[in-house]
mmCIF file of all heavy atoms, coordinates in Angstrom:
data_MODEL
# 
_entry.id   MODEL 
# 
loop_
_atom_site.group_PDB 
_atom_site.id 
_atom_site.type_symbol 
_atom_site.label_atom_id 
_atom_site.label_alt_id 
_atom_site.label_comp_id 
_atom_site.label_asym_id 
_atom_site.label_entity_id 
_atom_site.label_seq_id 
_atom_site.pdbx_PDB_ins_code 
_atom_site.Cartn_x 
_atom_site.Cartn_y 
_atom_site.Cartn_z 
_atom_site.occupancy 
_atom_site.B_iso_or_equiv 
_atom_site.pdbx_formal_charge 
_atom_site.auth_seq_id 
_atom_site.auth_comp_id 
_atom_site.auth_asym_id 
_atom_site.auth_atom_id 
_atom_site.pdbx_PDB_model_num 
ATOM 1   N N   . ARG A 1 1  ? -4.837  -28.870 -9.730  1.00 0.00 ? 1  ARG A N   1 
ATOM 2   C CA  . ARG A 1 1  ? -6.085  -29.544 -9.380  1.00 0.00 ? 1  ARG A CA  1 
ATOM 3   C C   . ARG A 1 1  ? -7.127  -28.622 -8.746  1.00 0.00 ? 1  ARG A C   1 
ATOM 4   O O   . ARG A 1 1  ? -8.164  -29.091 -8.288  1.00 0.00 ? 1  ARG A O   1 
ATOM 5   C CB  . ARG A 1 1  ? -5.803  -30.695 -8.411  1.00 0.00 ? 1  ARG A CB  1 
ATOM 6   C CG  . ARG A 1 1  ? -5.234  -31.940 -9.058  1.00 0.00 ? 1  ARG A CG  1 
ATOM 7   C CD  . ARG A 1 1  ? -5.221  -33.057 -8.035  1.00 0.00 ? 1  ARG A CD  1 
ATOM 8   N NE  . ARG A 1 1  ? -4.905  -34.346 -8.614  1.00 0.00 ? 1  ARG A NE  1 
ATOM 9   C CZ  . ARG A 1 1  ? -4.972  -35.496 -7.950  1.00 0.00 ? 1  ARG A CZ  1 
ATOM 10  N NH1 . ARG A 1 1  ? -5.334  -35.503 -6.676  1.00 0.00 ? 1  ARG A NH1 1 
ATOM 11  N NH2 . ARG A 1 1  ? -4.678  -36.632 -8.546  1.00 0.00 ? 1  ARG A NH2 1 
ATOM 12  N N   . TYR A 1 2  ? -6.869  -27.350 -8.688  1.00 0.00 ? 2  TYR A N   1 
ATOM 13  C CA  . TYR A 1 2  ? -7.786  -26.444 -7.994  1.00 0.00 ? 2  TYR A CA  1 
ATOM 14  C C   . TYR A 1 2  ? -9.186  -26.506 -8.604  1.00 0.00 ? 2  TYR A C   1 
ATOM 15  O O   . TYR A 1 2  ? -9.359  -26.494 -9.823  1.00 0.00 ? 2  TYR A O   1 
ATOM 16  C CB  . TYR A 1 2  ? -7.277  -25.002 -8.064  1.00 0.00 ? 2  TYR A CB  1 
ATOM 17  C CG  . TYR A 1 2  ? -8.249  -24.017 -7.464  1.00 0.00 ? 2  TYR A CG  1 
ATOM 18  C CD1 . TYR A 1 2  ? -8.384  -23.912 -6.090  1.00 0.00 ? 2  TYR A CD1 1 
ATOM 19  C CD2 . TYR A 1 2  ? -9.053  -23.221 -8.280  1.00 0.00 ? 2  TYR A CD2 1 
ATOM 20  C CE1 . TYR A 1 2  ? -9.294  -23.024 -5.520  1.00 0.00 ? 2  TYR A CE1 1 
ATOM 21  C CE2 . TYR A 1 2  ? -9.961  -22.331 -7.732  1.00 0.00 ? 2  TYR A CE2 1 
ATOM 22  C CZ  . TYR A 1 2  ? -10.079 -22.238 -6.348  1.00 0.00 ? 2  TYR A CZ  1 
ATOM 23  O OH  . TYR A 1 2  ? -10.992 -21.368 -5.801  1.00 0.00 ? 2  TYR A OH  1 
ATOM 24  N N   . ILE A 1 3  ? -10.172 -26.595 -7.721  1.00 0.00 ? 3  ILE A N   1 
ATOM 25  C CA  . ILE A 1 3  ? -11.584 -26.579 -8.129  1.00 0.00 ? 3  ILE A CA  1 
ATOM 26  C C   . ILE A 1 3  ? -12.279 -25.482 -7.334  1.00 0.00 ? 3  ILE A C   1 
ATOM 27  O O   . ILE A 1 3  ? -12.258 -25.502 -6.100  1.00 0.00 ? 3  ILE A O   1 
ATOM 28  C CB  . ILE A 1 3  ? -12.267 -27.931 -7.845  1.00 0.00 ? 3  ILE A CB  1 
ATOM 29  C CG1 . ILE A 1 3  ? -11.552 -29.071 -8.584  1.00 0.00 ? 3  ILE A CG1 1 
ATOM 30  C CG2 . ILE A 1 3  ? -13.735 -27.879 -8.249  1.00 0.00 ? 3  ILE A CG2 1 
ATOM 31  C CD1 . ILE A 1 3  ? -12.097 -30.446 -8.240  1.00 0.00 ? 3  ILE A CD1 1 
ATOM 32  N N   . PRO A 1 4  ? -12.892 -24.522 -7.984  1.00 0.00 ? 4  PRO A N   1 
ATOM 33  C CA  . PRO A 1 4  ? -13.566 -23.437 -7.251  1.00 0.00 ? 4  PRO A CA  1 
ATOM 34  C C   . PRO A 1 4  ? -14.782 -23.944 -6.495  1.00 0.00 ? 4  PRO A C   1 
ATOM 35  O O   . PRO A 1 4  ? -15.422 -24.923 -6.905  1.00 0.00 ? 4  PRO A O   1 
ATOM 36  C CB  . PRO A 1 4  ? -13.955 -22.458 -8.359  1.00 0.00 ? 4  PRO A CB  1 
ATOM 37  C CG  . PRO A 1 4  ? -13.980 -23.265 -9.603  1.00 0.00 ? 4  PRO A CG  1 
ATOM 38  C CD  . PRO A 1 4  ? -12.965 -24.344 -9.439  1.00 0.00 ? 4  PRO A CD  1 
ATOM 39  N N   . PRO A 1 5  ? -15.127 -23.295 -5.375  1.00 0.00 ? 5  PRO A N   1 
ATOM 40  C CA  . PRO A 1 5  ? -16.312 -23.719 -4.612  1.00 0.00 ? 5  PRO A CA  1 
ATOM 41  C C   . PRO A 1 5  ? -17.576 -23.545 -5.431  1.00 0.00 ? 5  PRO A C   1 
ATOM 42  O O   . PRO A 1 5  ? -17.704 -22.612 -6.225  1.00 0.00 ? 5  PRO A O   1 
ATOM 43  C CB  . PRO A 1 5  ? -16.295 -22.773 -3.404  1.00 0.00 ? 5  PRO A CB  1 
ATOM 44  C CG  . PRO A 1 5  ? -15.513 -21.583 -3.856  1.00 0.00 ? 5  PRO A CG  1 
ATOM 45  C CD  . PRO A 1 5  ? -14.480 -22.110 -4.791  1.00 0.00 ? 5  PRO A CD  1 
ATOM 46  N N   . GLY A 1 6  ? -18.517 -24.457 -5.229  1.00 0.00 ? 6  GLY A N   1 
ATOM 47  C CA  . GLY A 1 6  ? -19.776 -24.408 -5.970  1.00 0.00 ? 6  GLY A CA  1 
ATOM 48  C C   . GLY A 1 6  ? -19.767 -25.218 -7.247  1.00 0.00 ? 6  GLY A C   1 
ATOM 49  O O   . GLY A 1 6  ? -20.793 -25.309 -7.931  1.00 0.00 ? 6  GLY A O   1 
ATOM 50  N N   . THR A 1 7  ? -18.633 -25.844 -7.571  1.00 0.00 ? 7  THR A N   1 
ATOM 51  C CA  . THR A 1 7  ? -18.538 -26.649 -8.798  1.00 0.00 ? 7  THR A CA  1 
ATOM 52  C C   . THR A 1 7  ? -19.345 -27.934 -8.657  1.00 0.00 ? 7  THR A C   1 
ATOM 53  O O   . THR A 1 7  ? -19.303 -28.603 -7.624  1.00 0.00 ? 7  THR A O   1 
ATOM 54  C CB  . THR A 1 7  ? -17.071 -26.993 -9.097  1.00 0.00 ? 7  THR A CB  1 
ATOM 55  O OG1 . THR A 1 7  ? -16.341 -25.786 -9.287  1.00 0.00 ? 7  THR A OG1 1 
ATOM 56  C CG2 . THR A 1 7  ? -16.953 -27.852 -10.349 1.00 0.00 ? 7  THR A CG2 1 
ATOM 57  N N   . ILE A 1 8  ? -20.071 -28.297 -9.716  1.00 0.00 ? 8  ILE A N   1 
ATOM 58  C CA  . ILE A 1 8  ? -20.811 -29.561 -9.740  1.00 0.00 ? 8  ILE A CA  1 
ATOM 59  C C   . ILE A 1 8  ? -19.869 -30.680 -10.177 1.00 0.00 ? 8  ILE A C   1 
ATOM 60  O O   . ILE A 1 8  ? -19.240 -30.590 -11.235 1.00 0.00 ? 8  ILE A O   1 
ATOM 61  C CB  . ILE A 1 8  ? -22.017 -29.493 -10.684 1.00 0.00 ? 8  ILE A CB  1 
ATOM 62  C CG1 . ILE A 1 8  ? -23.008 -28.428 -10.212 1.00 0.00 ? 8  ILE A CG1 1 
ATOM 63  C CG2 . ILE A 1 8  ? -22.716 -30.849 -10.780 1.00 0.00 ? 8  ILE A CG2 1 
ATOM 64  C CD1 . ILE A 1 8  ? -24.167 -28.202 -11.164 1.00 0.00 ? 8  ILE A CD1 1 
ATOM 65  N N   . ILE A 1 9  ? -19.779 -31.721 -9.367  1.00 0.00 ? 9  ILE A N   1 
ATOM 66  C CA  . ILE A 1 9  ? -18.931 -32.875 -9.676  1.00 0.00 ? 9  ILE A CA  1 
ATOM 67  C C   . ILE A 1 9  ? -19.840 -34.079 -9.930  1.00 0.00 ? 9  ILE A C   1 
ATOM 68  O O   . ILE A 1 9  ? -20.657 -34.442 -9.087  1.00 0.00 ? 9  ILE A O   1 
ATOM 69  C CB  . ILE A 1 9  ? -17.954 -33.164 -8.524  1.00 0.00 ? 9  ILE A CB  1 
ATOM 70  C CG1 . ILE A 1 9  ? -16.991 -31.977 -8.361  1.00 0.00 ? 9  ILE A CG1 1 
ATOM 71  C CG2 . ILE A 1 9  ? -17.180 -34.459 -8.774  1.00 0.00 ? 9  ILE A CG2 1 
ATOM 72  C CD1 . ILE A 1 9  ? -16.092 -32.073 -7.152  1.00 0.00 ? 9  ILE A CD1 1 
ATOM 73  N N   . THR A 1 10 ? -19.718 -34.654 -11.111 1.00 0.00 ? 10 THR A N   1 
ATOM 74  C CA  . THR A 1 10 ? -20.496 -35.829 -11.478 1.00 0.00 ? 10 THR A CA  1 
ATOM 75  C C   . THR A 1 10 ? -19.624 -37.066 -11.306 1.00 0.00 ? 10 THR A C   1 
ATOM 76  O O   . THR A 1 10 ? -18.467 -37.072 -11.718 1.00 0.00 ? 10 THR A O   1 
ATOM 77  C CB  . THR A 1 10 ? -20.973 -35.726 -12.938 1.00 0.00 ? 10 THR A CB  1 
ATOM 78  O OG1 . THR A 1 10 ? -21.663 -34.482 -13.129 1.00 0.00 ? 10 THR A OG1 1 
ATOM 79  C CG2 . THR A 1 10 ? -21.912 -36.870 -13.297 1.00 0.00 ? 10 THR A CG2 1 
ATOM 80  N N   . TYR A 1 11 ? -20.177 -38.121 -10.695 1.00 0.00 ? 11 TYR A N   1 
ATOM 81  C CA  . TYR A 1 11 ? -19.362 -39.310 -10.436 1.00 0.00 ? 11 TYR A CA  1 
ATOM 82  C C   . TYR A 1 11 ? -20.213 -40.574 -10.496 1.00 0.00 ? 11 TYR A C   1 
ATOM 83  O O   . TYR A 1 11 ? -21.431 -40.532 -10.332 1.00 0.00 ? 11 TYR A O   1 
ATOM 84  C CB  . TYR A 1 11 ? -18.693 -39.205 -9.057  1.00 0.00 ? 11 TYR A CB  1 
ATOM 85  C CG  . TYR A 1 11 ? -19.661 -39.271 -7.901  1.00 0.00 ? 11 TYR A CG  1 
ATOM 86  C CD1 . TYR A 1 11 ? -19.933 -40.469 -7.236  1.00 0.00 ? 11 TYR A CD1 1 
ATOM 87  C CD2 . TYR A 1 11 ? -20.342 -38.132 -7.471  1.00 0.00 ? 11 TYR A CD2 1 
ATOM 88  C CE1 . TYR A 1 11 ? -20.820 -40.526 -6.184  1.00 0.00 ? 11 TYR A CE1 1 
ATOM 89  C CE2 . TYR A 1 11 ? -21.241 -38.180 -6.427  1.00 0.00 ? 11 TYR A CE2 1 
ATOM 90  C CZ  . TYR A 1 11 ? -21.485 -39.376 -5.780  1.00 0.00 ? 11 TYR A CZ  1 
ATOM 91  O OH  . TYR A 1 11 ? -22.385 -39.444 -4.745  1.00 0.00 ? 11 TYR A OH  1 
ATOM 92  N N   . ASN A 1 12 ? -19.555 -41.686 -10.744 1.00 0.00 ? 12 ASN A N   1 
ATOM 93  C CA  . ASN A 1 12 ? -20.184 -42.997 -10.621 1.00 0.00 ? 12 ASN A CA  1 
ATOM 94  C C   . ASN A 1 12 ? -19.109 -44.047 -10.370 1.00 0.00 ? 12 ASN A C   1 
ATOM 95  O O   . ASN A 1 12 ? -17.923 -43.828 -10.643 1.00 0.00 ? 12 ASN A O   1 
ATOM 96  C CB  . ASN A 1 12 ? -21.014 -43.349 -11.856 1.00 0.00 ? 12 ASN A CB  1 
ATOM 97  C CG  . ASN A 1 12 ? -20.171 -43.622 -13.079 1.00 0.00 ? 12 ASN A CG  1 
ATOM 98  O OD1 . ASN A 1 12 ? -19.465 -42.740 -13.572 1.00 0.00 ? 12 ASN A OD1 1 
ATOM 99  N ND2 . ASN A 1 12 ? -20.230 -44.843 -13.588 1.00 0.00 ? 12 ASN A ND2 1 
ATOM 100 N N   . PHE A 1 13 ? -19.530 -45.186 -9.834  1.00 0.00 ? 13 PHE A N   1 
ATOM 101 C CA  . PHE A 1 13 ? -18.585 -46.227 -9.430  1.00 0.00 ? 13 PHE A CA  1 
ATOM 102 C C   . PHE A 1 13 ? -18.589 -47.397 -10.414 1.00 0.00 ? 13 PHE A C   1 
ATOM 103 O O   . PHE A 1 13 ? -19.601 -47.676 -11.065 1.00 0.00 ? 13 PHE A O   1 
ATOM 104 C CB  . PHE A 1 13 ? -18.935 -46.749 -8.034  1.00 0.00 ? 13 PHE A CB  1 
ATOM 105 C CG  . PHE A 1 13 ? -18.848 -45.715 -6.964  1.00 0.00 ? 13 PHE A CG  1 
ATOM 106 C CD1 . PHE A 1 13 ? -19.997 -45.148 -6.430  1.00 0.00 ? 13 PHE A CD1 1 
ATOM 107 C CD2 . PHE A 1 13 ? -17.611 -45.283 -6.495  1.00 0.00 ? 13 PHE A CD2 1 
ATOM 108 C CE1 . PHE A 1 13 ? -19.923 -44.177 -5.437  1.00 0.00 ? 13 PHE A CE1 1 
ATOM 109 C CE2 . PHE A 1 13 ? -17.521 -44.323 -5.503  1.00 0.00 ? 13 PHE A CE2 1 
ATOM 110 C CZ  . PHE A 1 13 ? -18.682 -43.767 -4.973  1.00 0.00 ? 13 PHE A CZ  1 
ATOM 111 N N   . GLU A 1 14 ? -17.454 -48.068 -10.472 1.00 0.00 ? 14 GLU A N   1 
ATOM 112 C CA  . GLU A 1 14 ? -17.299 -49.270 -11.281 1.00 0.00 ? 14 GLU A CA  1 
ATOM 113 C C   . GLU A 1 14 ? -16.668 -50.350 -10.394 1.00 0.00 ? 14 GLU A C   1 
ATOM 114 O O   . GLU A 1 14 ? -15.627 -50.112 -9.784  1.00 0.00 ? 14 GLU A O   1 
ATOM 115 C CB  . GLU A 1 14 ? -16.408 -48.988 -12.485 1.00 0.00 ? 14 GLU A CB  1 
ATOM 116 C CG  . GLU A 1 14 ? -16.290 -50.139 -13.457 1.00 0.00 ? 14 GLU A CG  1 
ATOM 117 C CD  . GLU A 1 14 ? -15.422 -49.777 -14.652 1.00 0.00 ? 14 GLU A CD  1 
ATOM 118 O OE1 . GLU A 1 14 ? -15.836 -48.899 -15.432 1.00 0.00 ? 14 GLU A OE1 1 
ATOM 119 O OE2 . GLU A 1 14 ? -14.338 -50.350 -14.778 1.00 0.00 ? 14 GLU A OE2 1 
ATOM 120 N N   . VAL A 1 15 ? -17.316 -51.517 -10.315 1.00 0.00 ? 15 VAL A N   1 
ATOM 121 C CA  . VAL A 1 15 ? -16.853 -52.595 -9.441  1.00 0.00 ? 15 VAL A CA  1 
ATOM 122 C C   . VAL A 1 15 ? -16.753 -53.883 -10.248 1.00 0.00 ? 15 VAL A C   1 
ATOM 123 O O   . VAL A 1 15 ? -17.601 -54.171 -11.095 1.00 0.00 ? 15 VAL A O   1 
ATOM 124 C CB  . VAL A 1 15 ? -17.821 -52.810 -8.255  1.00 0.00 ? 15 VAL A CB  1 
ATOM 125 C CG1 . VAL A 1 15 ? -17.257 -53.852 -7.286  1.00 0.00 ? 15 VAL A CG1 1 
ATOM 126 C CG2 . VAL A 1 15 ? -18.107 -51.505 -7.533  1.00 0.00 ? 15 VAL A CG2 1 
ATOM 127 N N   . GLU A 1 16 ? -15.710 -54.654 -9.970  1.00 0.00 ? 16 GLU A N   1 
ATOM 128 C CA  . GLU A 1 16 ? -15.516 -55.931 -10.671 1.00 0.00 ? 16 GLU A CA  1 
ATOM 129 C C   . GLU A 1 16 ? -15.123 -57.005 -9.660  1.00 0.00 ? 16 GLU A C   1 
ATOM 130 O O   . GLU A 1 16 ? -14.363 -56.728 -8.715  1.00 0.00 ? 16 GLU A O   1 
ATOM 131 C CB  . GLU A 1 16 ? -14.427 -55.789 -11.731 1.00 0.00 ? 16 GLU A CB  1 
ATOM 132 C CG  . GLU A 1 16 ? -14.262 -57.014 -12.623 1.00 0.00 ? 16 GLU A CG  1 
ATOM 133 C CD  . GLU A 1 16 ? -13.274 -56.775 -13.754 1.00 0.00 ? 16 GLU A CD  1 
ATOM 134 O OE1 . GLU A 1 16 ? -13.226 -55.643 -14.276 1.00 0.00 ? 16 GLU A OE1 1 
ATOM 135 O OE2 . GLU A 1 16 ? -12.546 -57.732 -14.097 1.00 0.00 ? 16 GLU A OE2 1 
ATOM 136 N N   . ASP A 1 17 ? -15.651 -58.215 -9.840  1.00 0.00 ? 17 ASP A N   1 
ATOM 137 C CA  . ASP A 1 17 ? -15.300 -59.299 -8.923  1.00 0.00 ? 17 ASP A CA  1 
ATOM 138 C C   . ASP A 1 17 ? -14.417 -60.331 -9.602  1.00 0.00 ? 17 ASP A C   1 
ATOM 139 O O   . ASP A 1 17 ? -14.047 -60.198 -10.783 1.00 0.00 ? 17 ASP A O   1 
ATOM 140 C CB  . ASP A 1 17 ? -16.558 -59.947 -8.320  1.00 0.00 ? 17 ASP A CB  1 
ATOM 141 C CG  . ASP A 1 17 ? -17.395 -60.713 -9.350  1.00 0.00 ? 17 ASP A CG  1 
ATOM 142 O OD1 . ASP A 1 17 ? -16.897 -60.993 -10.460 1.00 0.00 ? 17 ASP A OD1 1 
ATOM 143 O OD2 . ASP A 1 17 ? -18.555 -61.037 -9.037  1.00 0.00 ? 17 ASP A OD2 1 
ATOM 144 N N   . SER A 1 18 ? -14.059 -61.389 -8.855  1.00 0.00 ? 18 SER A N   1 
ATOM 145 C CA  . SER A 1 18 ? -13.096 -62.386 -9.335  1.00 0.00 ? 18 SER A CA  1 
ATOM 146 C C   . SER A 1 18 ? -13.640 -63.247 -10.466 1.00 0.00 ? 18 SER A C   1 
ATOM 147 O O   . SER A 1 18 ? -12.868 -63.914 -11.168 1.00 0.00 ? 18 SER A O   1 
ATOM 148 C CB  . SER A 1 18 ? -12.668 -63.290 -8.172  1.00 0.00 ? 18 SER A CB  1 
ATOM 149 O OG  . SER A 1 18 ? -13.810 -63.903 -7.579  1.00 0.00 ? 18 SER A OG  1 
ATOM 150 N N   . LYS A 1 19 ? -14.962 -63.231 -10.674 1.00 0.00 ? 19 LYS A N   1 
ATOM 151 C CA  . LYS A 1 19 ? -15.570 -64.010 -11.754 1.00 0.00 ? 19 LYS A CA  1 
ATOM 152 C C   . LYS A 1 19 ? -15.772 -63.168 -13.018 1.00 0.00 ? 19 LYS A C   1 
ATOM 153 O O   . LYS A 1 19 ? -16.323 -63.646 -14.004 1.00 0.00 ? 19 LYS A O   1 
ATOM 154 C CB  . LYS A 1 19 ? -16.920 -64.577 -11.298 1.00 0.00 ? 19 LYS A CB  1 
ATOM 155 C CG  . LYS A 1 19 ? -16.844 -65.524 -10.116 1.00 0.00 ? 19 LYS A CG  1 
ATOM 156 C CD  . LYS A 1 19 ? -16.109 -66.811 -10.471 1.00 0.00 ? 19 LYS A CD  1 
ATOM 157 C CE  . LYS A 1 19 ? -16.154 -67.792 -9.315  1.00 0.00 ? 19 LYS A CE  1 
ATOM 158 N NZ  . LYS A 1 19 ? -15.421 -69.052 -9.621  1.00 0.00 ? 19 LYS A NZ  1 
ATOM 159 N N   . GLY A 1 20 ? -15.304 -61.937 -12.990 1.00 0.00 ? 20 GLY A N   1 
ATOM 160 C CA  . GLY A 1 20 ? -15.453 -61.068 -14.160 1.00 0.00 ? 20 GLY A CA  1 
ATOM 161 C C   . GLY A 1 20 ? -16.759 -60.319 -14.217 1.00 0.00 ? 20 GLY A C   1 
ATOM 162 O O   . GLY A 1 20 ? -17.016 -59.594 -15.191 1.00 0.00 ? 20 GLY A O   1 
ATOM 163 N N   . ASN A 1 21 ? -17.608 -60.458 -13.187 1.00 0.00 ? 21 ASN A N   1 
ATOM 164 C CA  . ASN A 1 21 ? -18.845 -59.690 -13.140 1.00 0.00 ? 21 ASN A CA  1 
ATOM 165 C C   . ASN A 1 21 ? -18.508 -58.215 -12.898 1.00 0.00 ? 21 ASN A C   1 
ATOM 166 O O   . ASN A 1 21 ? -17.613 -57.894 -12.114 1.00 0.00 ? 21 ASN A O   1 
ATOM 167 C CB  . ASN A 1 21 ? -19.754 -60.203 -12.020 1.00 0.00 ? 21 ASN A CB  1 
ATOM 168 C CG  . ASN A 1 21 ? -20.188 -61.636 -12.248 1.00 0.00 ? 21 ASN A CG  1 
ATOM 169 O OD1 . ASN A 1 21 ? -20.775 -61.954 -13.276 1.00 0.00 ? 21 ASN A OD1 1 
ATOM 170 N ND2 . ASN A 1 21 ? -19.882 -62.512 -11.299 1.00 0.00 ? 21 ASN A ND2 1 
ATOM 171 N N   . ARG A 1 22 ? -19.240 -57.346 -13.554 1.00 0.00 ? 22 ARG A N   1 
ATOM 172 C CA  . ARG A 1 22 ? -18.959 -55.913 -13.453 1.00 0.00 ? 22 ARG A CA  1 
ATOM 173 C C   . ARG A 1 22 ? -20.252 -55.151 -13.167 1.00 0.00 ? 22 ARG A C   1 
ATOM 174 O O   . ARG A 1 22 ? -21.293 -55.425 -13.745 1.00 0.00 ? 22 ARG A O   1 
ATOM 175 C CB  . ARG A 1 22 ? -18.346 -55.417 -14.763 1.00 0.00 ? 22 ARG A CB  1 
ATOM 176 C CG  . ARG A 1 22 ? -17.921 -53.947 -14.738 1.00 0.00 ? 22 ARG A CG  1 
ATOM 177 C CD  . ARG A 1 22 ? -17.366 -53.546 -16.096 1.00 0.00 ? 22 ARG A CD  1 
ATOM 178 N NE  . ARG A 1 22 ? -16.115 -54.215 -16.369 1.00 0.00 ? 22 ARG A NE  1 
ATOM 179 C CZ  . ARG A 1 22 ? -14.918 -53.706 -16.107 1.00 0.00 ? 22 ARG A CZ  1 
ATOM 180 N NH1 . ARG A 1 22 ? -14.828 -52.507 -15.552 1.00 0.00 ? 22 ARG A NH1 1 
ATOM 181 N NH2 . ARG A 1 22 ? -13.827 -54.369 -16.397 1.00 0.00 ? 22 ARG A NH2 1 
ATOM 182 N N   . LEU A 1 23 ? -20.154 -54.210 -12.239 1.00 0.00 ? 23 LEU A N   1 
ATOM 183 C CA  . LEU A 1 23 ? -21.281 -53.341 -11.915 1.00 0.00 ? 23 LEU A CA  1 
ATOM 184 C C   . LEU A 1 23 ? -20.857 -51.898 -12.107 1.00 0.00 ? 23 LEU A C   1 
ATOM 185 O O   . LEU A 1 23 ? -19.829 -51.470 -11.590 1.00 0.00 ? 23 LEU A O   1 
ATOM 186 C CB  . LEU A 1 23 ? -21.730 -53.543 -10.465 1.00 0.00 ? 23 LEU A CB  1 
ATOM 187 C CG  . LEU A 1 23 ? -22.793 -52.565 -9.944  1.00 0.00 ? 23 LEU A CG  1 
ATOM 188 C CD1 . LEU A 1 23 ? -24.126 -52.795 -10.653 1.00 0.00 ? 23 LEU A CD1 1 
ATOM 189 C CD2 . LEU A 1 23 ? -22.965 -52.687 -8.441  1.00 0.00 ? 23 LEU A CD2 1 
ATOM 190 N N   . GLU A 1 24 ? -21.641 -51.142 -12.891 1.00 0.00 ? 24 GLU A N   1 
ATOM 191 C CA  . GLU A 1 24 ? -21.387 -49.723 -13.084 1.00 0.00 ? 24 GLU A CA  1 
ATOM 192 C C   . GLU A 1 24 ? -22.626 -48.957 -12.634 1.00 0.00 ? 24 GLU A C   1 
ATOM 193 O O   . GLU A 1 24 ? -23.723 -49.194 -13.139 1.00 0.00 ? 24 GLU A O   1 
ATOM 194 C CB  . GLU A 1 24 ? -21.071 -49.411 -14.548 1.00 0.00 ? 24 GLU A CB  1 
ATOM 195 C CG  . GLU A 1 24 ? -20.601 -47.990 -14.764 1.00 0.00 ? 24 GLU A CG  1 
ATOM 196 C CD  . GLU A 1 24 ? -19.988 -47.765 -16.141 1.00 0.00 ? 24 GLU A CD  1 
ATOM 197 O OE1 . GLU A 1 24 ? -19.638 -48.760 -16.796 1.00 0.00 ? 24 GLU A OE1 1 
ATOM 198 O OE2 . GLU A 1 24 ? -19.858 -46.593 -16.537 1.00 0.00 ? 24 GLU A OE2 1 
ATOM 199 N N   . THR A 1 25 ? -22.482 -48.067 -11.665 1.00 0.00 ? 25 THR A N   1 
ATOM 200 C CA  . THR A 1 25 ? -23.625 -47.369 -11.088 1.00 0.00 ? 25 THR A CA  1 
ATOM 201 C C   . THR A 1 25 ? -24.047 -46.187 -11.962 1.00 0.00 ? 25 THR A C   1 
ATOM 202 O O   . THR A 1 25 ? -23.300 -45.730 -12.831 1.00 0.00 ? 25 THR A O   1 
ATOM 203 C CB  . THR A 1 25 ? -23.298 -46.862 -9.683  1.00 0.00 ? 25 THR A CB  1 
ATOM 204 O OG1 . THR A 1 25 ? -22.266 -45.866 -9.758  1.00 0.00 ? 25 THR A OG1 1 
ATOM 205 C CG2 . THR A 1 25 ? -22.829 -47.999 -8.792  1.00 0.00 ? 25 THR A CG2 1 
ATOM 206 N N   . GLU A 1 26 ? -25.246 -45.703 -11.685 1.00 0.00 ? 26 GLU A N   1 
ATOM 207 C CA  . GLU A 1 26 ? -25.737 -44.510 -12.361 1.00 0.00 ? 26 GLU A CA  1 
ATOM 208 C C   . GLU A 1 26 ? -24.954 -43.290 -11.888 1.00 0.00 ? 26 GLU A C   1 
ATOM 209 O O   . GLU A 1 26 ? -24.426 -43.267 -10.777 1.00 0.00 ? 26 GLU A O   1 
ATOM 210 C CB  . GLU A 1 26 ? -27.223 -44.298 -12.064 1.00 0.00 ? 26 GLU A CB  1 
ATOM 211 C CG  . GLU A 1 26 ? -28.134 -45.393 -12.587 1.00 0.00 ? 26 GLU A CG  1 
ATOM 212 C CD  . GLU A 1 26 ? -28.215 -45.412 -14.096 1.00 0.00 ? 26 GLU A CD  1 
ATOM 213 O OE1 . GLU A 1 26 ? -28.072 -44.324 -14.705 1.00 0.00 ? 26 GLU A OE1 1 
ATOM 214 O OE2 . GLU A 1 26 ? -28.397 -46.496 -14.666 1.00 0.00 ? 26 GLU A OE2 1 
ATOM 215 N N   . GLN A 1 27 ? -24.875 -42.279 -12.732 1.00 0.00 ? 27 GLN A N   1 
ATOM 216 C CA  . GLN A 1 27 ? -24.169 -41.063 -12.365 1.00 0.00 ? 27 GLN A CA  1 
ATOM 217 C C   . GLN A 1 27 ? -24.921 -40.305 -11.266 1.00 0.00 ? 27 GLN A C   1 
ATOM 218 O O   . GLN A 1 27 ? -26.147 -40.264 -11.258 1.00 0.00 ? 27 GLN A O   1 
ATOM 219 C CB  . GLN A 1 27 ? -23.990 -40.156 -13.579 1.00 0.00 ? 27 GLN A CB  1 
ATOM 220 C CG  . GLN A 1 27 ? -22.975 -40.667 -14.587 1.00 0.00 ? 27 GLN A CG  1 
ATOM 221 C CD  . GLN A 1 27 ? -22.703 -39.658 -15.686 1.00 0.00 ? 27 GLN A CD  1 
ATOM 222 O OE1 . GLN A 1 27 ? -23.500 -38.761 -15.936 1.00 0.00 ? 27 GLN A OE1 1 
ATOM 223 N NE2 . GLN A 1 27 ? -21.566 -39.791 -16.340 1.00 0.00 ? 27 GLN A NE2 1 
# 
């Protein structure tokens, strides 16, 4: 899993509720 310093990490979140609604955020 080693990641060198200075690496750009792109991420976004995904959330779901009990009614099946889903939210996906921008990167």
